[in-house]
């Protein structure tokens, strides 16, 4: 299974807000064996959101969109996702019923547009806030508030499943350029992929679909690089 992530918000593009949602989703999906192929941040603009969602829906198994939900003037994500699928937005009776029964909100208490979703979308209930999310075909729309997004994702997490991978790490003081021969050889000897990440030292991450294979490859590398 592969996926693309679309984070929405002018504040992300100006640097006013750190894009922690993308990082969290990437890590969570990776833990579930899902390959994240794209992470894109777009402004609060219907045309940009719709274009990217439409493109990624055609290319990947799932698209996850976060941010821009609610009834305020710059919350345009639902309109954009509806446009990407050629739909209108309308009050969702299931979402409204849940807000009344579980959230304790009377319909008259909700701001106009709070529970408007793309027609025929599956609502995702917001246990940590108010504005619901939605699933439109293989596009999942979540709130931008991290706590709300985490809780909502938990309700659909089982829908994201791929081939799990296992990682072992090796630290070395050698520069990346000096490691090329051993990085190439370890991938020839074992069914693994290897990434190198420089910092105060170089971290070599060995990834495999079997934990024993990752461990054996990491042990082989550890014996052949400077500690």
Protein backbone atom coordinates (compact mmCIF):
# COMPACT_ATOMS: atom_id res chain seq x y z
CA UNK A 1 0.00 0.00 0.00
CA UNK A 2 1.27 3.45 -0.85
CA UNK A 3 -0.03 6.86 0.19
CA UNK A 4 0.38 10.59 -0.22
CA UNK A 5 -0.05 13.20 2.49
CA UNK A 6 -1.42 16.69 1.85
CA UNK A 7 -1.15 19.24 4.66
CA UNK A 8 -3.21 22.40 4.26
CA UNK A 9 -2.56 25.81 5.76
CA UNK A 10 -1.04 29.19 4.98
CA UNK A 11 0.54 29.12 8.44
CA UNK A 12 2.59 26.05 7.46
CA UNK A 13 4.00 27.79 4.40
CA UNK A 14 4.96 30.94 6.30
CA UNK A 15 6.68 28.95 9.03
CA UNK A 16 4.32 30.19 11.74
CA UNK A 17 3.32 26.59 12.54
CA UNK A 18 5.59 23.54 12.47
CA UNK A 19 4.25 20.76 10.27
CA UNK A 20 4.16 18.07 12.95
CA UNK A 21 1.15 16.37 11.35
CA UNK A 22 3.16 15.30 8.32
CA UNK A 23 5.95 13.88 10.49
CA UNK A 24 3.50 12.00 12.72
CA UNK A 25 1.56 10.55 9.79
CA UNK A 26 4.74 9.47 8.00
CA UNK A 27 6.00 7.64 11.07
CA UNK A 28 2.63 6.07 11.86
CA UNK A 29 2.05 4.88 8.31
CA UNK A 30 5.60 3.54 8.07
CA UNK A 31 5.00 1.53 11.25
CA UNK A 32 1.96 0.00 9.55
CA UNK A 33 3.96 -0.94 6.45
CA UNK A 34 2.52 1.80 4.22
CA UNK A 35 4.92 3.51 1.82
CA UNK A 36 4.51 7.29 1.92
CA UNK A 37 5.49 8.49 -1.55
CA UNK A 38 4.63 12.21 -1.34
CA UNK A 39 4.22 14.91 1.30
CA UNK A 40 2.86 18.18 -0.06
CA UNK A 41 1.87 21.38 1.72
CA UNK A 42 -0.63 23.66 0.02
CA UNK A 43 -2.22 27.00 0.96
CA UNK A 44 -5.81 27.51 2.06
CA UNK A 45 -6.93 27.74 -1.57
CA UNK A 46 -9.61 25.54 -3.11
CA UNK A 47 -7.98 25.26 -6.53
CA UNK A 48 -4.60 24.16 -5.16
CA UNK A 49 -6.04 21.61 -2.73
CA UNK A 50 -8.40 20.15 -5.34
CA UNK A 51 -5.66 19.87 -7.97
CA UNK A 52 -3.23 18.04 -5.68
CA UNK A 53 -5.90 15.72 -4.23
CA UNK A 54 -7.12 14.85 -7.72
CA UNK A 55 -3.60 14.09 -8.93
CA UNK A 56 -2.64 11.98 -5.92
CA UNK A 57 -5.94 10.09 -5.86
CA UNK A 58 -5.19 8.86 -9.37
CA UNK A 59 -1.67 7.79 -8.46
CA UNK A 60 -1.71 6.35 -4.92
CA UNK A 61 -3.77 3.89 -2.91
CA UNK A 62 -4.71 6.51 -0.33
CA UNK A 63 -4.52 10.27 0.13
CA UNK A 64 -4.50 11.74 3.64
CA UNK A 65 -5.39 15.41 3.98
CA UNK A 66 -5.04 17.40 7.19
CA UNK A 67 -6.08 20.94 8.06
CA UNK A 68 -8.65 23.48 6.99
CA UNK A 69 -11.74 21.88 8.55
CA UNK A 70 -14.45 23.94 10.21
CA UNK A 71 -16.80 26.82 9.52
CA UNK A 72 -14.39 29.78 9.37
CA UNK A 73 -13.56 31.74 6.23
CA UNK A 74 -10.23 30.00 5.55
CA UNK A 75 -11.47 26.46 6.22
CA UNK A 76 -11.93 25.41 2.60
CA UNK A 77 -10.61 21.84 2.58
CA UNK A 78 -13.99 20.10 2.39
CA UNK A 79 -15.05 22.31 -0.53
CA UNK A 80 -11.77 21.52 -2.27
CA UNK A 81 -11.98 17.76 -1.73
CA UNK A 82 -15.58 17.82 -2.97
CA UNK A 83 -14.44 19.68 -6.08
CA UNK A 84 -11.65 17.14 -6.68
CA UNK A 85 -14.28 14.39 -6.87
CA UNK A 86 -16.89 16.42 -8.75
CA UNK A 87 -19.27 16.60 -5.79
CA UNK A 88 -21.15 19.24 -3.85
CA UNK A 89 -20.99 19.76 -0.10
CA UNK A 90 -24.13 19.34 1.98
CA UNK A 91 -25.10 18.86 5.65
CA UNK A 92 -24.27 15.28 6.61
CA UNK A 93 -27.09 13.81 8.68
CA UNK A 94 -24.90 11.12 10.28
CA UNK A 95 -22.33 13.70 11.38
CA UNK A 96 -25.05 15.97 12.76
CA UNK A 97 -26.69 13.11 14.64
CA UNK A 98 -23.37 12.14 16.22
CA UNK A 99 -22.63 15.73 17.27
CA UNK A 100 -26.03 15.93 18.93
CA UNK A 101 -25.90 12.50 20.60
CA UNK A 102 -22.24 12.25 21.56
CA UNK A 103 -21.01 15.82 21.50
CA UNK A 104 -23.99 17.33 23.21
CA UNK A 105 -24.51 19.97 20.54
CA UNK A 106 -27.94 21.04 19.38
CA UNK A 107 -28.11 21.70 15.65
CA UNK A 108 -28.83 25.37 16.31
CA UNK A 109 -25.67 25.66 18.41
CA UNK A 110 -23.35 24.66 15.56
CA UNK A 111 -21.88 27.30 13.29
CA UNK A 112 -23.13 27.14 9.72
CA UNK A 113 -21.07 24.70 7.69
CA UNK A 114 -19.65 22.72 10.63
CA UNK A 115 -21.07 19.38 9.44
CA UNK A 116 -21.12 20.02 5.71
CA UNK A 117 -19.27 17.24 3.91
CA UNK A 118 -18.93 16.13 0.29
CA UNK A 119 -22.10 14.36 -0.82
CA UNK A 120 -22.00 10.60 -0.07
CA UNK A 121 -18.84 10.95 2.04
CA UNK A 122 -18.34 8.74 5.07
CA UNK A 123 -18.08 11.00 8.13
CA UNK A 124 -15.25 10.60 10.61
CA UNK A 125 -16.33 11.69 14.07
CA UNK A 126 -14.19 14.14 16.02
CA UNK A 127 -13.93 12.84 19.59
CA UNK A 128 -11.48 15.61 20.59
CA UNK A 129 -13.18 18.56 18.89
CA UNK A 130 -16.18 19.50 16.79
CA UNK A 131 -15.58 19.56 13.02
CA UNK A 132 -15.93 16.06 11.51
CA UNK A 133 -13.57 14.56 9.01
CA UNK A 134 -14.57 12.51 6.00
CA UNK A 135 -13.63 9.69 3.67
CA UNK A 136 -14.31 10.23 -0.02
CA UNK A 137 -13.38 7.13 -2.00
CA UNK A 138 -9.73 6.62 -0.93
CA UNK A 139 -9.20 10.18 0.32
CA UNK A 140 -9.18 10.67 4.10
CA UNK A 141 -9.71 14.17 5.45
CA UNK A 142 -8.58 14.94 9.01
CA UNK A 143 -8.48 18.06 11.19
CA UNK A 144 -5.28 20.07 11.45
CA UNK A 145 -5.27 20.18 15.27
CA UNK A 146 -2.84 17.38 16.17
CA UNK A 147 -4.81 15.87 19.07
CA UNK A 148 -7.96 15.79 16.96
CA UNK A 149 -6.14 14.31 13.99
CA UNK A 150 -4.46 11.59 16.08
CA UNK A 151 -7.75 10.51 17.64
CA UNK A 152 -9.58 10.50 14.32
CA UNK A 153 -6.83 8.52 12.60
CA UNK A 154 -7.01 5.91 15.36
CA UNK A 155 -10.56 5.17 14.29
CA UNK A 156 -9.49 4.22 10.76
CA UNK A 157 -5.94 3.01 11.38
CA UNK A 158 -6.83 -0.59 10.49
CA UNK A 159 -7.64 0.59 6.95
CA UNK A 160 -3.94 1.31 6.38
CA UNK A 161 -1.92 -1.87 6.11
CA UNK A 162 1.11 -2.82 4.08
CA UNK A 163 4.21 -4.97 4.33
CA UNK A 164 5.89 -4.30 7.67
CA UNK A 165 9.60 -3.55 7.69
CA UNK A 166 12.22 -3.83 10.40
CA UNK A 167 15.12 -1.48 11.01
CA UNK A 168 18.49 -1.95 12.68
CA UNK A 169 20.95 0.93 13.14
CA UNK A 170 24.74 1.05 13.12
CA UNK A 171 26.78 4.11 14.18
CA UNK A 172 30.15 4.92 12.63
CA UNK A 173 32.68 7.72 12.75
CA UNK A 174 33.60 7.21 9.09
CA UNK A 175 32.36 9.77 6.52
CA UNK A 176 29.64 8.67 4.12
CA UNK A 177 31.96 8.88 1.11
CA UNK A 178 34.27 6.26 2.66
CA UNK A 179 31.45 3.76 3.22
CA UNK A 180 30.27 3.24 -0.34
CA UNK A 181 31.96 -0.12 -0.87
CA UNK A 182 30.50 -1.68 2.29
CA UNK A 183 27.04 -0.21 1.72
CA UNK A 184 27.00 -1.71 -1.73
CA UNK A 185 28.25 -5.08 -0.51
CA UNK A 186 25.78 -5.42 2.36
CA UNK A 187 22.91 -4.95 -0.07
CA UNK A 188 24.37 -7.63 -2.35
CA UNK A 189 24.79 -10.10 0.51
CA UNK A 190 21.45 -9.52 2.24
CA UNK A 191 17.91 -8.62 1.20
CA UNK A 192 18.02 -5.16 2.72
CA UNK A 193 18.07 -1.49 1.86
CA UNK A 194 20.47 0.89 3.58
CA UNK A 195 20.24 4.60 4.30
CA UNK A 196 23.03 6.77 5.68
CA UNK A 197 22.33 9.85 7.79
CA UNK A 198 25.19 12.17 8.79
CA UNK A 199 25.32 14.08 12.06
CA UNK A 200 27.96 14.06 14.78
CA UNK A 201 28.47 10.52 13.54
CA UNK A 202 26.95 8.66 10.59
CA UNK A 203 23.90 6.49 11.30
CA UNK A 204 23.40 3.55 8.95
CA UNK A 205 19.80 2.29 8.90
CA UNK A 206 19.35 -1.24 7.61
CA UNK A 207 15.78 -2.09 6.57
CA UNK A 208 14.34 -5.50 5.72
CA UNK A 209 11.00 -7.29 5.64
CA UNK A 210 12.34 -9.92 8.06
CA UNK A 211 13.77 -8.91 11.44
CA UNK A 212 16.43 -11.61 11.34
CA UNK A 213 17.67 -10.40 7.96
CA UNK A 214 17.93 -6.81 9.20
CA UNK A 215 19.81 -7.99 12.29
CA UNK A 216 22.27 -10.16 10.35
CA UNK A 217 23.02 -7.36 7.89
CA UNK A 218 23.52 -4.84 10.68
CA UNK A 219 25.90 -7.20 12.49
CA UNK A 220 27.85 -7.68 9.25
CA UNK A 221 28.14 -3.91 8.82
CA UNK A 222 29.02 -3.30 12.46
CA UNK A 223 32.03 -5.58 12.14
CA UNK A 224 33.31 -3.68 9.08
CA UNK A 225 32.98 -0.01 9.99
CA UNK A 226 34.80 2.10 12.54
CA UNK A 227 32.82 2.48 15.75
